[in-house]
């Protein structure tokens, strides 16, 4: 692979994000100062936060408290690579959903002097840029600075390795799902016709609804230390999932099982390479996939009165309403607007589920339920109305 080509492709992928805001296609000016300040600020803030935590640990006089803080730090070391995998997967998937509506989404590589390996690796690295890399740099510098006074300097190199391996695995997984989405979307267009729009829309909403339900079940009203310890213990039970191997390696190293830590670290690197090979293979097979063309049937067209016509709208008004509605549902970036009501419906439901025993004990369940019903009925519709009005 030619790393110069990879860096150029990464730069092209980063510049292409301006298409999301409707910028000119031929304007390649970037604000590199802002990007450098973002990463530099993450490094500086991470170092300051690590120094503050190290000073706090050094000032503790109670041996029992120091032991508890050290145990929490080890749980953080073992758990955060898995959490880094989750937040990188979320951010990269969100970024890909934003890029779906870009017209020049499929990149024709027939005439470009690059290989599929270079194209795939550049796309994976480009997905890591921005917020995922800034958060990862912040945590990395925090860990490096705090590990010296805490006494975990031996775990730090393995922690940094596991952190970036998890970020790479998440970005590679996003690349794989992006390619599969292109392939499945074309197949749905061919088989379902007009129903493909609704299939993609409903599928996207269901995916995010399930994701947010799982997220709130894991994180809502949970203590951070308890969450880290739960993730650290859960990794040992789910050792057969390759995405958890970096965290298992750190947990094994913290317990003194060096050979097991080396084994899981090696398997993590091998699995990351396999994800890259799979993404490259899928790019080679489906990266240039084009959706089938729409066939126009011949014959005499007989217009029928639809629902809008029965409601009293004229043919011209009906045509305008249908055009605007189709434009709204066919734009994939509008999925966020349609998902917001689902999210705002899930949050109070889960809150009410956990708060139900306390509500029943206080005898004030009826006002709370009335408020919950009003919230679920009015708020999502208001949010959608405001968002549509600003588009």
Protein backbone atom coordinates (compact mmCIF):
# COMPACT_ATOMS: atom_id res chain seq x y z
CA UNK A 1 0.00 0.00 0.00
CA UNK A 2 1.11 3.53 -0.79
CA UNK A 3 0.72 5.62 2.33
CA UNK A 4 0.88 8.84 0.33
CA UNK A 5 -2.24 7.76 -1.55
CA UNK A 6 -3.90 6.83 1.73
CA UNK A 7 -3.22 10.26 3.24
CA UNK A 8 -4.53 11.98 0.12
CA UNK A 9 -7.70 9.87 0.21
CA UNK A 10 -8.16 10.67 3.91
CA UNK A 11 -7.90 14.36 3.06
CA UNK A 12 -10.48 13.96 0.28
CA UNK A 13 -12.87 12.15 2.65
CA UNK A 14 -12.45 14.90 5.24
CA UNK A 15 -13.09 17.63 2.67
CA UNK A 16 -16.16 15.86 1.33
CA UNK A 17 -17.98 16.57 4.61
CA UNK A 18 -18.62 20.11 3.36
CA UNK A 19 -21.20 18.64 0.97
CA UNK A 20 -23.41 17.96 4.00
CA UNK A 21 -23.87 21.67 4.53
CA UNK A 22 -24.51 22.41 0.87
CA UNK A 23 -21.11 24.00 0.27
CA UNK A 24 -19.71 24.54 -3.19
CA UNK A 25 -18.32 21.40 -4.76
CA UNK A 26 -15.19 23.15 -6.07
CA UNK A 27 -14.32 24.95 -2.85
CA UNK A 28 -11.65 22.90 -1.15
CA UNK A 29 -10.67 25.41 1.53
CA UNK A 30 -10.45 23.87 4.97
CA UNK A 31 -10.10 25.37 8.40
CA UNK A 32 -7.09 23.32 9.44
CA UNK A 33 -6.38 25.63 12.37
CA UNK A 34 -9.68 24.68 13.99
CA UNK A 35 -8.98 20.98 13.46
CA UNK A 36 -5.49 21.26 14.94
CA UNK A 37 -6.80 23.27 17.87
CA UNK A 38 -9.45 20.62 18.51
CA UNK A 39 -6.90 17.82 18.80
CA UNK A 40 -4.35 19.98 20.64
CA UNK A 41 -7.02 21.12 23.08
CA UNK A 42 -8.02 17.51 23.72
CA UNK A 43 -4.39 16.63 24.50
CA UNK A 44 -3.91 19.61 26.81
CA UNK A 45 -7.19 19.09 28.66
CA UNK A 46 -6.44 15.39 29.02
CA UNK A 47 -3.02 16.15 30.49
CA UNK A 48 -4.50 18.67 32.94
CA UNK A 49 -7.24 16.29 34.00
CA UNK A 50 -4.73 13.48 34.48
CA UNK A 51 -2.47 15.74 36.54
CA UNK A 52 -5.42 16.81 38.68
CA UNK A 53 -6.46 13.20 39.30
CA UNK A 54 -2.88 12.19 40.09
CA UNK A 55 -2.55 15.06 42.57
CA UNK A 56 -5.85 14.06 44.16
CA UNK A 57 -4.65 10.47 44.54
CA UNK A 58 -1.31 11.59 45.95
CA UNK A 59 -3.04 13.73 48.58
CA UNK A 60 -5.09 10.86 49.99
CA UNK A 61 -3.92 9.82 53.45
CA UNK A 62 -6.38 7.02 54.19
CA UNK A 63 -4.99 3.71 52.95
CA UNK A 64 -8.45 2.21 52.50
CA UNK A 65 -9.58 5.11 50.31
CA UNK A 66 -6.39 4.86 48.24
CA UNK A 67 -7.04 1.16 47.70
CA UNK A 68 -10.61 1.86 46.62
CA UNK A 69 -9.49 4.57 44.17
CA UNK A 70 -6.79 2.28 42.76
CA UNK A 71 -9.35 -0.48 42.26
CA UNK A 72 -11.66 1.96 40.47
CA UNK A 73 -8.77 3.07 38.25
CA UNK A 74 -8.05 -0.55 37.28
CA UNK A 75 -11.73 -1.06 36.47
CA UNK A 76 -11.58 2.06 34.31
CA UNK A 77 -8.52 0.71 32.48
CA UNK A 78 -10.25 -2.59 31.80
CA UNK A 79 -13.64 -1.15 30.87
CA UNK A 80 -12.98 1.98 28.88
CA UNK A 81 -11.74 0.31 25.67
CA UNK A 82 -15.18 -1.30 25.37
CA UNK A 83 -16.86 2.05 26.05
CA UNK A 84 -14.56 3.63 23.44
CA UNK A 85 -15.76 1.00 20.99
CA UNK A 86 -19.37 1.98 21.73
CA UNK A 87 -18.99 5.75 21.42
CA UNK A 88 -16.89 5.44 18.26
CA UNK A 89 -19.45 3.11 16.73
CA UNK A 90 -22.23 5.58 17.57
CA UNK A 91 -20.40 8.63 16.22
CA UNK A 92 -19.24 6.93 13.02
CA UNK A 93 -22.69 5.51 12.33
CA UNK A 94 -24.20 8.97 12.81
CA UNK A 95 -21.64 10.41 10.41
CA UNK A 96 -22.44 7.78 7.79
CA UNK A 97 -26.16 8.48 8.09
CA UNK A 98 -25.43 12.14 7.41
CA UNK A 99 -23.39 11.22 4.33
CA UNK A 100 -26.07 8.98 2.85
CA UNK A 101 -27.86 11.86 1.16
CA UNK A 102 -24.72 13.05 -0.68
CA UNK A 103 -25.24 12.41 -4.38
CA UNK A 104 -21.63 11.43 -5.08
CA UNK A 105 -21.69 8.69 -2.46
CA UNK A 106 -20.34 5.77 -4.52
CA UNK A 107 -16.75 6.47 -5.57
CA UNK A 108 -15.80 5.01 -8.96
CA UNK A 109 -12.28 3.58 -8.64
CA UNK A 110 -11.97 2.18 -12.13
CA UNK A 111 -9.85 5.08 -13.31
CA UNK A 112 -8.13 6.12 -10.06
CA UNK A 113 -4.54 4.92 -9.47
CA UNK A 114 -5.35 3.49 -6.03
CA UNK A 115 -6.05 0.01 -4.76
CA UNK A 116 -9.09 -1.17 -2.85
CA UNK A 117 -6.93 -1.68 0.24
CA UNK A 118 -5.83 1.96 0.15
CA UNK A 119 -9.38 3.17 -0.45
CA UNK A 120 -10.79 1.08 2.42
CA UNK A 121 -8.08 2.01 4.91
CA UNK A 122 -8.44 5.70 4.05
CA UNK A 123 -12.20 5.51 4.57
CA UNK A 124 -11.73 3.81 7.95
CA UNK A 125 -9.20 6.41 9.10
CA UNK A 126 -11.37 9.27 7.85
CA UNK A 127 -14.28 7.97 9.93
CA UNK A 128 -12.09 8.10 13.02
CA UNK A 129 -11.31 11.79 12.57
CA UNK A 130 -13.23 14.47 14.41
CA UNK A 131 -15.03 13.74 17.66
CA UNK A 132 -13.94 10.06 17.99
CA UNK A 133 -10.26 10.94 17.70
CA UNK A 134 -10.58 13.99 19.96
CA UNK A 135 -12.26 11.97 22.72
CA UNK A 136 -9.71 9.19 22.35
CA UNK A 137 -6.78 11.62 22.57
CA UNK A 138 -8.31 13.21 25.67
CA UNK A 139 -8.59 9.84 27.42
CA UNK A 140 -5.15 8.71 26.24
CA UNK A 141 -3.37 11.79 27.61
CA UNK A 142 -5.40 11.58 30.81
CA UNK A 143 -4.31 7.99 31.32
CA UNK A 144 -0.66 8.71 30.50
CA UNK A 145 -0.47 11.67 32.90
CA UNK A 146 -2.39 10.03 35.75
CA UNK A 147 -0.70 6.63 35.54
CA UNK A 148 2.62 7.88 36.92
CA UNK A 149 1.42 9.01 40.40
CA UNK A 150 -1.15 6.21 40.62
CA UNK A 151 1.40 3.50 39.87
CA UNK A 152 -0.21 1.98 36.77
CA UNK A 153 2.51 2.95 34.34
CA UNK A 154 2.97 -0.69 33.31
CA UNK A 155 -0.65 -0.93 32.15
CA UNK A 156 -0.56 2.34 30.22
CA UNK A 157 1.01 1.09 26.94
CA UNK A 158 -1.47 -1.78 26.79
CA UNK A 159 -4.30 0.63 27.60
CA UNK A 160 -3.33 2.98 24.75
CA UNK A 161 -3.01 0.02 22.38
CA UNK A 162 -6.43 -1.34 23.37
CA UNK A 163 -8.01 2.10 23.10
CA UNK A 164 -6.91 2.70 19.51
CA UNK A 165 -7.58 -0.91 18.51
CA UNK A 166 -11.19 -0.55 19.69
CA UNK A 167 -11.58 2.74 17.83
CA UNK A 168 -10.23 1.10 14.66
CA UNK A 169 -12.54 -1.90 15.07
CA UNK A 170 -15.56 0.38 15.47
CA UNK A 171 -14.63 2.41 12.40
CA UNK A 172 -14.02 -0.76 10.35
CA UNK A 173 -17.39 -2.12 11.46
CA UNK A 174 -19.04 1.12 10.32
CA UNK A 175 -17.31 0.76 6.96
CA UNK A 176 -18.68 -2.77 6.62
CA UNK A 177 -22.22 -1.71 7.51
CA UNK A 178 -21.99 1.18 5.05
CA UNK A 179 -21.08 -1.16 2.19
CA UNK A 180 -23.80 -3.62 3.15
CA UNK A 181 -26.30 -0.78 3.31
CA UNK A 182 -25.42 0.23 -0.25
CA UNK A 183 -25.89 -3.37 -1.41
CA UNK A 184 -29.10 -4.03 0.49
CA UNK A 185 -30.57 -0.65 -0.43
CA UNK A 186 -30.14 -1.42 -4.12
CA UNK A 187 -31.67 -4.86 -3.70
CA UNK A 188 -34.65 -3.39 -1.85
CA UNK A 189 -35.12 -0.80 -4.58
CA UNK A 190 -35.23 -3.57 -7.15
CA UNK A 191 -37.65 -5.82 -5.25
CA UNK A 192 -39.88 -3.40 -3.36
CA UNK A 193 -40.11 -0.41 -5.68
CA UNK A 194 -41.86 2.46 -3.92
CA UNK A 195 -42.10 0.46 -0.72
CA UNK A 196 -38.31 0.64 -0.45
CA UNK A 197 -38.58 4.19 0.85
CA UNK A 198 -40.81 3.12 3.73
CA UNK A 199 -38.77 -0.02 4.38
CA UNK A 200 -35.58 2.02 4.81
CA UNK A 201 -37.35 4.66 6.89
CA UNK A 202 -39.05 2.21 9.26
CA UNK A 203 -35.90 0.10 9.49
CA UNK A 204 -33.78 3.11 10.48
CA UNK A 205 -36.29 4.21 13.13
CA UNK A 206 -36.52 0.69 14.58
CA UNK A 207 -32.72 0.43 14.71
CA UNK A 208 -32.32 3.67 16.64
CA UNK A 209 -35.26 2.89 18.90
CA UNK A 210 -33.68 -0.44 19.89
CA UNK A 211 -30.28 1.20 20.33
CA UNK A 212 -31.59 3.94 22.62
CA UNK A 213 -33.57 1.43 24.67
CA UNK A 214 -30.43 -0.63 25.24
CA UNK A 215 -28.43 2.51 26.01
CA UNK A 216 -30.85 3.77 28.66
CA UNK A 217 -31.20 0.30 30.17
CA UNK A 218 -27.42 0.22 30.65
CA UNK A 219 -26.66 3.81 31.62
CA UNK A 220 -29.75 5.47 33.08
CA UNK A 221 -29.41 6.23 36.79
CA UNK A 222 -26.27 4.13 37.13
CA UNK A 223 -23.22 4.98 39.19
CA UNK A 224 -20.13 5.40 37.01
CA UNK A 225 -17.96 3.15 39.16
CA UNK A 226 -20.67 0.50 39.28
CA UNK A 227 -21.03 0.71 35.50
CA UNK A 228 -17.27 0.31 34.97
CA UNK A 229 -17.12 -2.67 37.31
CA UNK A 230 -20.16 -4.22 35.61
CA UNK A 231 -18.56 -3.82 32.18
CA UNK A 232 -15.27 -5.25 33.46
CA UNK A 233 -17.03 -8.29 34.94
CA UNK A 234 -19.30 -8.74 31.93
CA UNK A 235 -16.33 -8.91 29.58
CA UNK A 236 -15.08 -12.02 31.32
CA UNK A 237 -18.43 -13.73 30.83
CA UNK A 238 -18.66 -12.73 27.16
CA UNK A 239 -15.04 -13.59 26.35
CA UNK A 240 -16.05 -15.20 23.04
CA UNK A 241 -17.04 -11.80 21.52
CA UNK A 242 -13.98 -10.48 19.65
CA UNK A 243 -14.88 -6.83 20.24
CA UNK A 244 -14.33 -7.34 23.98
CA UNK A 245 -10.88 -8.89 23.68
CA UNK A 246 -8.92 -5.61 24.25
CA UNK A 247 -10.74 -5.03 27.54
CA UNK A 248 -10.23 -8.66 28.55
CA UNK A 249 -6.51 -8.28 27.85
CA UNK A 250 -6.31 -5.31 30.22
CA UNK A 251 -8.34 -7.11 32.86
CA UNK A 252 -6.03 -10.13 32.63
CA UNK A 253 -2.94 -7.92 32.89
CA UNK A 254 -4.36 -6.19 35.98
CA UNK A 255 -4.87 -9.61 37.61
CA UNK A 256 -1.29 -10.67 36.86
CA UNK A 257 -2.04 -13.05 33.96
CA UNK A 258 0.50 -11.64 31.51
CA UNK A 259 0.42 -14.55 29.06
CA UNK A 260 -3.36 -14.33 28.77
CA UNK A 261 -3.11 -10.58 28.25
CA UNK A 262 -0.61 -11.07 25.42
CA UNK A 263 -2.85 -13.72 23.85
CA UNK A 264 -5.97 -11.54 23.87
CA UNK A 265 -4.00 -8.52 22.63
CA UNK A 266 -2.66 -10.54 19.71
CA UNK A 267 -6.13 -11.85 18.90
CA UNK A 268 -7.49 -8.29 19.04
CA UNK A 269 -4.93 -7.13 16.50
CA UNK A 270 -5.67 -10.15 14.30
CA UNK A 271 -9.41 -9.52 14.49
CA UNK A 272 -8.91 -5.87 13.54
CA UNK A 273 -6.93 -6.99 10.50
CA UNK A 274 -9.69 -9.46 9.59
CA UNK A 275 -12.26 -6.66 9.78
CA UNK A 276 -10.10 -4.60 7.44
CA UNK A 277 -9.81 -7.52 5.00
CA UNK A 278 -13.57 -8.07 5.14
CA UNK A 279 -14.25 -4.39 4.47
CA UNK A 280 -11.80 -4.48 1.55
CA UNK A 281 -13.44 -7.58 0.12
CA UNK A 282 -16.91 -6.07 0.42
CA UNK A 283 -15.71 -2.83 -1.14
CA UNK A 284 -14.26 -4.78 -4.05
CA UNK A 285 -17.49 -6.74 -4.45
CA UNK A 286 -20.15 -4.11 -3.75
CA UNK A 287 -18.33 -0.78 -3.51
CA UNK A 288 -19.32 0.16 -7.06
CA UNK A 289 -22.80 -1.26 -6.78
CA UNK A 290 -25.35 0.87 -8.57
CA UNK A 291 -29.06 0.80 -7.88
CA UNK A 292 -31.16 -0.54 -10.78
CA UNK A 293 -32.77 2.01 -13.03
CA UNK A 294 -36.48 2.69 -12.76
CA UNK A 295 -38.49 1.26 -15.64
CA UNK A 296 -41.37 3.34 -16.99
CA UNK A 297 -44.30 1.18 -18.01
CA UNK A 298 -46.17 1.90 -21.23
CA UNK A 299 -49.91 2.18 -21.66
CA UNK A 300 -52.78 4.53 -21.02
CA UNK A 301 -52.64 6.25 -17.66
CA UNK A 302 -55.98 6.60 -15.88
CA UNK A 303 -55.79 8.90 -12.88
CA UNK A 304 -57.69 7.88 -9.79
CA UNK A 305 -58.85 10.02 -6.92
CA UNK A 306 -56.55 9.42 -4.01
CA UNK A 307 -56.91 10.15 -0.32
CA UNK A 308 -55.98 13.82 -0.72
CA UNK A 309 -58.50 14.18 -3.53
CA UNK A 310 -61.22 12.71 -1.37
CA UNK A 311 -60.32 15.20 1.36
CA UNK A 312 -61.14 18.07 -1.01
CA UNK A 313 -57.72 19.07 -2.36
CA UNK A 314 -57.44 20.08 -6.00
CA UNK A 315 -55.13 18.13 -8.36
CA UNK A 316 -52.53 20.92 -8.25
CA UNK A 317 -52.59 21.05 -4.43
CA UNK A 318 -52.42 17.25 -4.27
CA UNK A 319 -49.38 17.21 -6.55
CA UNK A 320 -47.56 19.80 -4.43
CA UNK A 321 -48.35 17.97 -1.17
CA UNK A 322 -47.19 14.64 -2.60
CA UNK A 323 -44.00 16.19 -3.96
CA UNK A 324 -43.09 17.76 -0.62
CA UNK A 325 -43.96 14.60 1.31
CA UNK A 326 -41.86 12.40 -1.00
CA UNK A 327 -38.96 14.85 -0.77
CA UNK A 328 -39.22 14.68 3.01
CA UNK A 329 -39.34 10.88 3.29
CA UNK A 330 -36.68 10.18 0.67
CA UNK A 331 -34.00 12.30 2.32
CA UNK A 332 -32.07 10.04 4.64
CA UNK A 333 -30.75 12.95 6.70
CA UNK A 334 -34.36 13.61 7.76
CA UNK A 335 -34.30 10.32 9.66
CA UNK A 336 -32.99 12.28 12.67
CA UNK A 337 -36.20 14.32 12.72
CA UNK A 338 -38.35 11.21 12.59
CA UNK A 339 -36.25 9.48 15.24
CA UNK A 340 -36.50 12.34 17.75
CA UNK A 341 -40.13 11.57 18.66
CA UNK A 342 -39.15 7.95 19.25
CA UNK A 343 -36.27 8.99 21.51
CA UNK A 344 -38.37 11.46 23.47
CA UNK A 345 -41.00 8.76 23.89
CA UNK A 346 -38.52 6.16 25.15
CA UNK A 347 -36.84 8.39 27.75
CA UNK A 348 -39.90 9.13 29.95
CA UNK A 349 -41.17 5.56 29.57
CA UNK A 350 -37.94 4.12 30.93
CA UNK A 351 -37.84 6.81 33.61
CA UNK A 352 -41.36 5.90 34.68
CA UNK A 353 -40.51 2.19 34.78
CA UNK A 354 -37.64 2.72 37.22
CA UNK A 355 -39.53 5.31 39.25
CA UNK A 356 -42.78 3.30 39.46
CA UNK A 357 -42.13 1.79 42.95
CA UNK A 358 -41.39 5.20 44.43
CA UNK A 359 -44.41 6.75 42.71
CA UNK A 360 -46.73 4.02 43.96
CA UNK A 361 -45.38 4.38 47.48
CA UNK A 362 -45.97 8.12 47.51
CA UNK A 363 -49.54 7.81 46.21
CA UNK A 364 -48.99 10.45 43.51
CA UNK A 365 -49.07 8.14 40.51
CA UNK A 366 -52.10 9.69 38.80
CA UNK A 367 -50.61 13.20 38.21
CA UNK A 368 -47.35 11.66 37.04
CA UNK A 369 -49.15 9.41 34.58
CA UNK A 370 -51.20 12.31 33.26
CA UNK A 371 -48.06 14.34 32.74
CA UNK A 372 -46.39 11.36 31.04
CA UNK A 373 -49.32 10.94 28.67
CA UNK A 374 -49.33 14.64 27.80
CA UNK A 375 -45.57 14.59 27.30
CA UNK A 376 -45.70 11.61 24.96
CA UNK A 377 -48.57 13.13 22.99
CA UNK A 378 -47.47 16.74 22.54
CA UNK A 379 -43.68 17.02 22.75
CA UNK A 380 -42.68 14.75 19.81
CA UNK A 381 -45.12 16.46 17.46
CA UNK A 382 -43.90 19.91 18.50
CA UNK A 383 -40.28 18.93 17.96
CA UNK A 384 -41.00 17.52 14.50
CA UNK A 385 -42.91 20.68 13.56
CA UNK A 386 -40.06 22.93 14.65
CA UNK A 387 -37.41 20.81 12.92
CA UNK A 388 -39.32 20.61 9.66
CA UNK A 389 -39.87 24.35 9.74
CA UNK A 390 -36.13 25.01 10.02
CA UNK A 391 -35.14 22.74 7.11
